[in-house]
N, C-alpha and C. Protein backbone atom coordinates (compact mmCIF):
# COMPACT_ATOMS: atom_id res chain seq x y z
N MET A 1 338.57 -103.57 276.05
CA MET A 1 339.58 -103.74 277.24
C MET A 1 341.02 -104.37 276.75
N LEU A 2 341.50 -103.46 277.07
CA LEU A 2 343.42 -103.90 276.79
C LEU A 2 343.80 -104.90 277.48
N ILE A 3 343.27 -106.47 277.40
CA ILE A 3 344.06 -107.62 278.37
C ILE A 3 344.95 -108.48 277.21
N GLY A 4 345.98 -109.21 277.87
CA GLY A 4 346.52 -110.37 277.58
C GLY A 4 347.73 -110.40 277.53
N GLN A 5 348.33 -111.44 276.72
CA GLN A 5 349.54 -111.60 276.39
C GLN A 5 349.82 -111.65 275.14
N TYR A 6 351.02 -111.31 274.21
CA TYR A 6 350.76 -111.76 272.87
C TYR A 6 352.56 -111.49 272.27
N GLU A 7 352.67 -112.49 271.59
CA GLU A 7 354.56 -112.86 271.36
C GLU A 7 354.35 -112.22 269.92
N HIS A 8 355.11 -111.11 269.58
CA HIS A 8 355.47 -110.69 268.38
C HIS A 8 356.69 -110.52 267.83
N THR A 9 356.92 -110.07 266.77
CA THR A 9 358.83 -109.78 266.59
C THR A 9 358.94 -108.40 265.53
N ILE A 10 359.87 -108.12 266.27
CA ILE A 10 360.28 -106.54 265.38
C ILE A 10 360.96 -106.91 263.65
N ASP A 11 360.38 -106.76 262.87
CA ASP A 11 361.03 -106.88 261.61
C ASP A 11 362.18 -105.87 261.37
N VAL A 12 362.89 -106.50 259.90
CA VAL A 12 363.90 -105.85 259.89
C VAL A 12 363.94 -104.12 259.29
N LYS A 13 362.65 -103.95 259.33
CA LYS A 13 362.69 -102.38 259.31
C LYS A 13 362.03 -101.55 260.07
N LYS A 14 362.48 -102.35 261.60
CA LYS A 14 362.42 -101.56 262.91
C LYS A 14 360.79 -101.77 263.09
N ARG A 15 359.88 -102.05 262.36
CA ARG A 15 358.57 -102.03 262.46
C ARG A 15 357.98 -103.10 263.81
N LEU A 16 356.54 -102.82 264.33
CA LEU A 16 356.59 -103.85 265.37
C LEU A 16 354.68 -103.79 265.11
N ALA A 17 354.43 -105.18 264.46
CA ALA A 17 352.98 -105.65 264.41
C ALA A 17 351.91 -105.96 265.84
N LEU A 18 350.89 -104.56 266.10
CA LEU A 18 350.12 -104.74 267.08
C LEU A 18 349.24 -105.86 266.98
N PRO A 19 348.90 -106.55 268.18
CA PRO A 19 347.85 -107.74 268.01
C PRO A 19 346.34 -106.81 267.38
N ALA A 20 345.70 -107.57 266.29
CA ALA A 20 344.61 -107.10 265.36
C ALA A 20 343.43 -106.91 266.56
N LYS A 21 343.65 -107.63 267.75
CA LYS A 21 342.51 -107.66 268.74
C LYS A 21 342.96 -106.08 269.37
N PHE A 22 343.97 -105.28 269.79
CA PHE A 22 343.70 -103.88 270.20
C PHE A 22 343.53 -102.69 269.08
N ARG A 23 343.98 -103.40 267.86
CA ARG A 23 343.80 -102.53 267.01
C ARG A 23 342.57 -101.25 266.85
N GLY A 24 341.79 -101.68 266.98
CA GLY A 24 340.28 -101.13 267.19
C GLY A 24 340.49 -100.01 268.42
N GLU A 25 340.87 -100.74 269.52
CA GLU A 25 340.87 -99.74 270.58
C GLU A 25 341.46 -98.57 270.58
N LEU A 26 342.96 -99.15 270.00
CA LEU A 26 344.41 -98.20 269.64
C LEU A 26 343.99 -96.81 269.15
N GLY A 27 342.89 -96.71 268.04
CA GLY A 27 342.58 -95.56 266.99
C GLY A 27 344.46 -95.83 265.94
N ALA A 28 343.81 -94.58 265.22
CA ALA A 28 345.16 -94.59 264.05
C ALA A 28 346.46 -93.89 264.75
N LYS A 29 346.46 -93.36 265.95
CA LYS A 29 347.37 -92.19 266.24
C LYS A 29 347.76 -93.12 267.70
N ILE A 30 348.98 -93.39 268.14
CA ILE A 30 349.10 -93.85 269.91
C ILE A 30 350.45 -92.80 270.21
N ILE A 31 350.82 -93.09 271.48
CA ILE A 31 351.95 -92.62 271.89
C ILE A 31 352.62 -93.85 272.84
N VAL A 32 353.91 -93.96 272.15
CA VAL A 32 355.30 -94.79 272.44
C VAL A 32 355.98 -93.94 273.52
N THR A 33 355.95 -94.21 274.95
CA THR A 33 357.27 -94.17 275.82
C THR A 33 357.59 -95.25 276.56
N ARG A 34 358.65 -94.05 277.37
CA ARG A 34 359.43 -95.44 278.05
C ARG A 34 358.70 -95.59 279.28
N GLY A 35 358.48 -97.07 279.58
CA GLY A 35 357.86 -97.69 280.73
C GLY A 35 358.48 -98.15 281.95
N LEU A 36 357.89 -98.28 282.90
CA LEU A 36 358.58 -98.71 283.98
C LEU A 36 359.23 -100.25 284.34
N GLU A 37 360.57 -100.72 284.40
CA GLU A 37 361.29 -101.46 284.92
C GLU A 37 361.78 -102.38 283.32
N GLY A 38 361.76 -101.34 282.53
CA GLY A 38 362.59 -101.57 281.27
C GLY A 38 361.68 -101.88 280.04
N CYS A 39 360.51 -101.44 280.14
CA CYS A 39 359.86 -102.08 279.46
C CYS A 39 359.50 -100.26 278.25
N LEU A 40 358.53 -100.50 277.19
CA LEU A 40 358.01 -99.05 276.38
C LEU A 40 356.41 -99.64 276.99
N ALA A 41 355.65 -98.43 277.35
CA ALA A 41 354.53 -98.10 277.36
C ALA A 41 353.54 -97.38 275.89
N VAL A 42 352.83 -97.93 275.86
CA VAL A 42 351.63 -97.50 274.36
C VAL A 42 350.46 -97.17 275.08
N TYR A 43 350.21 -95.81 274.74
CA TYR A 43 348.75 -95.15 275.08
C TYR A 43 348.23 -94.78 273.95
N THR A 44 346.57 -94.90 273.89
CA THR A 44 345.59 -94.27 273.02
C THR A 44 345.84 -92.70 273.25
N GLU A 45 345.51 -92.11 272.49
CA GLU A 45 345.62 -90.40 272.59
C GLU A 45 344.70 -89.97 273.77
N LYS A 46 343.76 -90.65 273.94
CA LYS A 46 342.46 -90.25 274.82
C LYS A 46 343.25 -90.75 276.21
N GLU A 47 343.83 -91.92 276.28
CA GLU A 47 344.69 -92.52 277.73
C GLU A 47 345.80 -91.20 278.27
N TRP A 48 346.91 -90.99 277.30
CA TRP A 48 347.78 -90.06 277.13
C TRP A 48 347.43 -88.88 277.71
N THR A 49 346.18 -88.22 277.36
CA THR A 49 345.89 -86.84 277.85
C THR A 49 345.53 -86.88 279.63
N ILE A 50 344.99 -88.61 279.72
CA ILE A 50 345.18 -88.25 281.38
C ILE A 50 346.37 -88.33 281.87
N VAL A 51 347.02 -89.03 281.53
CA VAL A 51 348.44 -89.25 281.96
C VAL A 51 349.30 -87.96 281.94
N SER A 52 349.33 -87.28 280.74
CA SER A 52 349.92 -86.02 280.87
C SER A 52 349.43 -84.96 281.73
N GLU A 53 347.93 -84.92 281.77
CA GLU A 53 347.31 -84.13 282.63
C GLU A 53 347.48 -84.42 284.37
N LYS A 54 348.23 -86.03 284.61
CA LYS A 54 348.44 -86.11 286.22
C LYS A 54 349.81 -85.83 286.11
N LEU A 55 350.97 -85.75 284.76
CA LEU A 55 352.04 -85.81 285.25
C LEU A 55 352.16 -83.91 285.63
N ALA A 56 351.73 -83.28 284.46
CA ALA A 56 351.47 -81.52 284.67
C ALA A 56 351.03 -81.58 286.27
N THR A 57 350.25 -81.65 287.26
CA THR A 57 349.99 -81.37 288.05
C THR A 57 350.71 -81.80 289.68
N LEU A 58 352.05 -82.70 288.78
CA LEU A 58 353.46 -82.80 289.91
C LEU A 58 353.98 -81.61 290.05
N THR A 59 354.24 -81.54 291.34
CA THR A 59 355.35 -80.10 291.60
C THR A 59 356.78 -80.16 291.31
N MET A 60 357.05 -79.46 290.63
CA MET A 60 358.06 -79.12 290.10
C MET A 60 359.77 -78.63 291.09
N THR A 61 358.72 -78.58 292.15
CA THR A 61 360.05 -78.67 293.33
C THR A 61 360.61 -79.45 293.99
N GLN A 62 359.92 -80.98 293.38
CA GLN A 62 360.61 -82.19 294.15
C GLN A 62 361.50 -82.87 292.72
N ALA A 63 362.57 -83.03 292.62
CA ALA A 63 363.51 -83.82 292.20
C ALA A 63 363.09 -85.27 291.67
N GLU A 64 362.40 -85.95 292.61
CA GLU A 64 361.81 -87.00 291.63
C GLU A 64 360.80 -86.80 290.71
N ALA A 65 359.99 -85.78 291.02
CA ALA A 65 359.12 -85.56 289.91
C ALA A 65 359.48 -85.04 288.88
N ARG A 66 360.37 -84.20 288.94
CA ARG A 66 360.87 -83.73 287.85
C ARG A 66 361.69 -84.80 286.44
N SER A 67 362.37 -85.68 287.52
CA SER A 67 362.94 -86.57 286.65
C SER A 67 361.83 -87.33 286.03
N TYR A 68 360.97 -87.87 286.92
CA TYR A 68 359.85 -88.89 286.35
C TYR A 68 359.13 -88.02 285.05
N THR A 69 358.61 -86.69 285.28
CA THR A 69 358.25 -85.95 284.02
C THR A 69 359.02 -86.30 282.87
N ARG A 70 360.51 -85.63 282.66
CA ARG A 70 361.33 -85.73 281.87
C ARG A 70 361.24 -86.83 281.18
N MET A 71 361.37 -88.20 281.90
CA MET A 71 361.53 -89.49 281.12
C MET A 71 360.46 -89.91 280.44
N ILE A 72 359.27 -89.37 281.36
CA ILE A 72 357.80 -89.93 280.27
C ILE A 72 357.68 -89.12 279.64
N LEU A 73 357.83 -88.03 279.68
CA LEU A 73 357.45 -86.86 278.64
C LEU A 73 358.38 -86.56 277.40
N ALA A 74 359.01 -86.46 277.75
CA ALA A 74 360.71 -86.25 276.46
C ALA A 74 361.08 -87.85 275.93
N GLY A 75 360.58 -88.55 276.44
CA GLY A 75 360.77 -89.59 276.08
C GLY A 75 359.29 -90.32 274.92
N ALA A 76 358.27 -89.72 274.94
CA ALA A 76 357.53 -89.91 274.00
C ALA A 76 357.30 -89.61 273.19
N MET A 77 356.62 -90.58 271.96
CA MET A 77 356.80 -90.35 270.70
C MET A 77 355.15 -90.48 270.09
N GLU A 78 354.57 -89.89 268.94
CA GLU A 78 353.23 -90.03 268.96
C GLU A 78 353.77 -91.10 267.41
N VAL A 79 352.98 -92.16 267.06
CA VAL A 79 353.40 -92.84 266.15
C VAL A 79 351.70 -93.59 265.36
N SER A 80 351.85 -93.48 264.41
CA SER A 80 350.71 -93.93 263.05
C SER A 80 350.69 -95.42 263.21
N LEU A 81 349.50 -96.09 263.01
CA LEU A 81 349.43 -97.53 262.69
C LEU A 81 349.42 -97.72 261.24
N ASP A 82 350.21 -98.41 260.43
CA ASP A 82 349.97 -98.44 259.27
C ASP A 82 348.70 -99.69 258.58
N LYS A 83 348.92 -99.73 257.58
CA LYS A 83 347.34 -100.42 257.14
C LYS A 83 347.21 -101.85 257.42
N LEU A 84 348.96 -102.24 257.94
CA LEU A 84 348.51 -103.85 258.59
C LEU A 84 348.94 -103.19 260.21
N GLY A 85 348.64 -102.78 260.61
CA GLY A 85 348.53 -102.43 262.27
C GLY A 85 350.05 -102.33 262.59
N ARG A 86 351.15 -102.11 261.61
CA ARG A 86 352.78 -101.59 262.73
C ARG A 86 352.67 -100.32 262.52
N ILE A 87 353.60 -100.44 264.32
CA ILE A 87 354.28 -99.10 263.99
C ILE A 87 355.74 -99.00 264.40
N LEU A 88 356.73 -97.81 263.81
CA LEU A 88 357.85 -98.10 263.88
C LEU A 88 358.29 -97.55 265.03
N ILE A 89 359.21 -98.08 265.47
CA ILE A 89 359.59 -98.15 267.37
C ILE A 89 361.00 -97.06 267.19
N PRO A 90 360.95 -96.07 267.83
CA PRO A 90 362.32 -95.06 267.21
C PRO A 90 363.35 -95.76 268.20
N ASP A 91 364.44 -95.64 267.72
CA ASP A 91 365.87 -96.41 268.25
C ASP A 91 366.18 -95.85 269.83
N TYR A 92 365.82 -94.93 270.28
CA TYR A 92 366.16 -94.84 271.57
C TYR A 92 364.84 -95.61 272.26
N LEU A 93 364.05 -95.36 272.17
CA LEU A 93 363.20 -96.18 272.60
C LEU A 93 363.37 -97.61 272.74
N LYS A 94 363.56 -98.35 271.35
CA LYS A 94 364.22 -99.56 271.28
C LYS A 94 365.47 -99.79 272.05
N GLU A 95 365.87 -99.12 272.17
CA GLU A 95 367.49 -99.08 272.99
C GLU A 95 367.45 -99.17 274.46
N TYR A 96 366.13 -98.21 274.74
CA TYR A 96 365.95 -98.07 276.22
C TYR A 96 365.34 -99.20 276.88
N ALA A 97 364.52 -100.04 276.15
CA ALA A 97 363.90 -101.42 276.18
C ALA A 97 364.66 -102.46 276.11
N GLY A 98 365.84 -102.50 275.27
CA GLY A 98 366.48 -103.64 275.08
C GLY A 98 365.77 -104.45 274.30
N LEU A 99 364.85 -103.38 273.29
CA LEU A 99 364.20 -104.72 272.52
C LEU A 99 364.88 -105.15 271.09
N LYS A 100 365.08 -106.57 270.77
CA LYS A 100 365.73 -107.16 270.11
C LYS A 100 364.64 -107.71 268.92
N LYS A 101 364.49 -108.83 268.55
CA LYS A 101 363.65 -109.12 268.11
C LYS A 101 362.45 -110.02 267.86
N SER A 102 362.39 -110.63 269.12
CA SER A 102 360.95 -111.28 269.48
C SER A 102 360.54 -110.13 271.14
N VAL A 103 359.71 -109.93 270.82
CA VAL A 103 358.72 -109.30 271.76
C VAL A 103 357.68 -109.66 272.34
N VAL A 104 357.37 -109.46 273.75
CA VAL A 104 356.25 -109.68 274.17
C VAL A 104 354.83 -108.53 274.45
N ILE A 105 353.88 -108.18 273.71
CA ILE A 105 352.73 -107.20 274.09
C ILE A 105 351.79 -107.84 275.32
N CYS A 106 351.68 -106.54 276.20
CA CYS A 106 351.18 -106.95 277.51
C CYS A 106 349.46 -105.67 277.32
N GLY A 107 348.33 -106.20 277.48
CA GLY A 107 347.67 -105.62 277.62
C GLY A 107 346.92 -105.46 278.96
N LEU A 108 347.43 -104.48 279.82
CA LEU A 108 347.16 -103.76 280.96
C LEU A 108 345.97 -102.61 281.52
N SER A 109 344.88 -103.19 280.66
CA SER A 109 343.66 -102.51 280.91
C SER A 109 343.80 -101.16 280.05
N ASN A 110 344.35 -100.13 280.63
CA ASN A 110 344.67 -98.64 279.58
C ASN A 110 345.55 -98.71 279.21
N ARG A 111 346.52 -99.56 279.01
CA ARG A 111 347.79 -99.47 278.15
C ARG A 111 348.26 -100.46 278.13
N LEU A 112 349.17 -100.75 276.52
CA LEU A 112 350.11 -101.87 276.55
C LEU A 112 351.33 -101.41 277.12
N GLU A 113 352.12 -102.55 277.23
CA GLU A 113 353.72 -103.10 277.13
C GLU A 113 354.06 -103.66 276.79
N VAL A 114 355.38 -103.28 276.05
CA VAL A 114 356.34 -103.66 275.51
C VAL A 114 357.27 -104.21 275.71
N TRP A 115 358.14 -105.40 275.97
CA TRP A 115 358.59 -106.33 276.54
C TRP A 115 359.65 -106.98 275.39
N ASP A 116 360.93 -106.85 275.62
CA ASP A 116 361.66 -108.02 275.14
C ASP A 116 361.37 -109.32 275.56
N SER A 117 361.73 -110.03 275.29
CA SER A 117 360.84 -111.61 275.32
C SER A 117 361.79 -112.09 276.43
N GLU A 118 363.16 -111.99 276.34
CA GLU A 118 364.06 -112.52 277.71
C GLU A 118 363.63 -111.49 278.85
N LYS A 119 363.40 -110.33 278.75
CA LYS A 119 363.60 -109.46 279.75
C LYS A 119 361.89 -109.59 280.61
N TRP A 120 361.27 -109.81 279.65
CA TRP A 120 359.61 -110.65 280.26
C TRP A 120 359.59 -111.38 280.73
N ASP A 121 360.26 -112.81 280.60
CA ASP A 121 360.79 -114.21 281.30
C ASP A 121 361.48 -113.65 282.54
N ILE A 122 362.25 -112.87 282.76
CA ILE A 122 362.52 -112.57 283.94
C ILE A 122 362.06 -112.26 285.00
N TYR A 123 361.35 -110.90 284.25
CA TYR A 123 360.57 -110.34 285.26
C TYR A 123 359.24 -111.09 285.99
N LYS A 124 358.99 -111.77 284.78
CA LYS A 124 357.54 -112.62 285.07
C LYS A 124 358.11 -113.82 285.94
N LYS A 125 358.91 -114.30 286.28
CA LYS A 125 358.92 -115.22 287.18
C LYS A 125 359.21 -114.73 288.30
N GLU A 126 360.30 -114.13 288.64
CA GLU A 126 360.27 -112.84 289.98
C GLU A 126 358.91 -112.20 290.01
N ALA A 127 358.34 -111.86 289.56
CA ALA A 127 357.20 -111.53 289.95
C ALA A 127 356.09 -112.91 290.41
N GLU A 128 355.90 -113.47 289.78
CA GLU A 128 355.57 -114.73 290.23
C GLU A 128 355.91 -115.23 291.71
N LYS A 129 357.01 -115.30 292.02
CA LYS A 129 357.61 -116.06 293.24
C LYS A 129 356.89 -115.02 294.21
N GLY A 130 356.44 -113.41 294.40
CA GLY A 130 356.04 -112.69 295.21
C GLY A 130 354.62 -112.48 295.09
N VAL A 131 353.82 -113.22 294.23
CA VAL A 131 352.46 -112.95 293.91
C VAL A 131 351.45 -112.62 295.12
N ASP A 132 351.90 -114.05 295.93
CA ASP A 132 351.30 -113.72 297.53
C ASP A 132 351.75 -112.98 298.53
N GLU A 133 352.67 -112.12 298.33
CA GLU A 133 352.97 -111.08 299.55
C GLU A 133 352.55 -109.95 298.76
N MET A 134 352.61 -109.71 297.48
CA MET A 134 351.49 -108.90 296.71
C MET A 134 350.39 -108.25 297.02
N VAL A 135 349.54 -109.77 296.59
CA VAL A 135 348.23 -109.66 297.07
C VAL A 135 347.82 -109.35 298.79
N SER A 136 348.81 -109.88 299.66
CA SER A 136 348.76 -109.05 300.79
C SER A 136 348.55 -107.50 300.80
N LYS A 137 349.97 -107.24 300.38
CA LYS A 137 350.09 -105.65 300.43
C LYS A 137 348.86 -105.09 299.80
N LEU A 138 348.34 -105.26 298.80
CA LEU A 138 347.15 -104.29 297.69
C LEU A 138 345.96 -105.01 298.59
N GLY A 139 345.36 -106.12 299.37
CA GLY A 139 344.68 -106.13 300.01
C GLY A 139 343.92 -104.93 300.87
N GLY A 140 344.88 -104.03 301.54
CA GLY A 140 344.23 -102.86 302.30
C GLY A 140 344.22 -101.85 300.81
N LEU A 141 344.63 -102.11 299.82
CA LEU A 141 343.58 -100.86 298.97
C LEU A 141 342.53 -101.70 298.24
N GLY A 142 342.12 -102.71 298.50
CA GLY A 142 340.69 -103.07 298.26
C GLY A 142 340.58 -104.09 296.80
N ILE A 143 341.92 -104.33 296.74
CA ILE A 143 342.01 -105.33 295.38
C ILE A 143 342.12 -106.60 295.78
């Protein structure tokens, strides 16, 4: 299971070492794409198949569905882990997420998210302020 939070750095060659804990679960090839709230989402090939199949069921007559599908699918890139568990993040994705040198990698069960460290701190502090309200709203969903 992909869980936990890890701090890493992007090296001068734009490579990011993924936490050793995740490498076995991820496999040799992974999919990196635009995530929500300005981060990157990282999927295994198996999980990516599930996500892309769900996106294919969205109706193309709704502008929001078209835009979301374009953002996720057109932004996706298949990347391979090197022998040291590093991936090369394409410039357009690095720019989208505002990734500088220091990043946070979050395991979220079925995917990873890669955040610029400063953006993660801001997001986390805001989310923590509203956690009680979130729990109340999600309670109706059985969480």
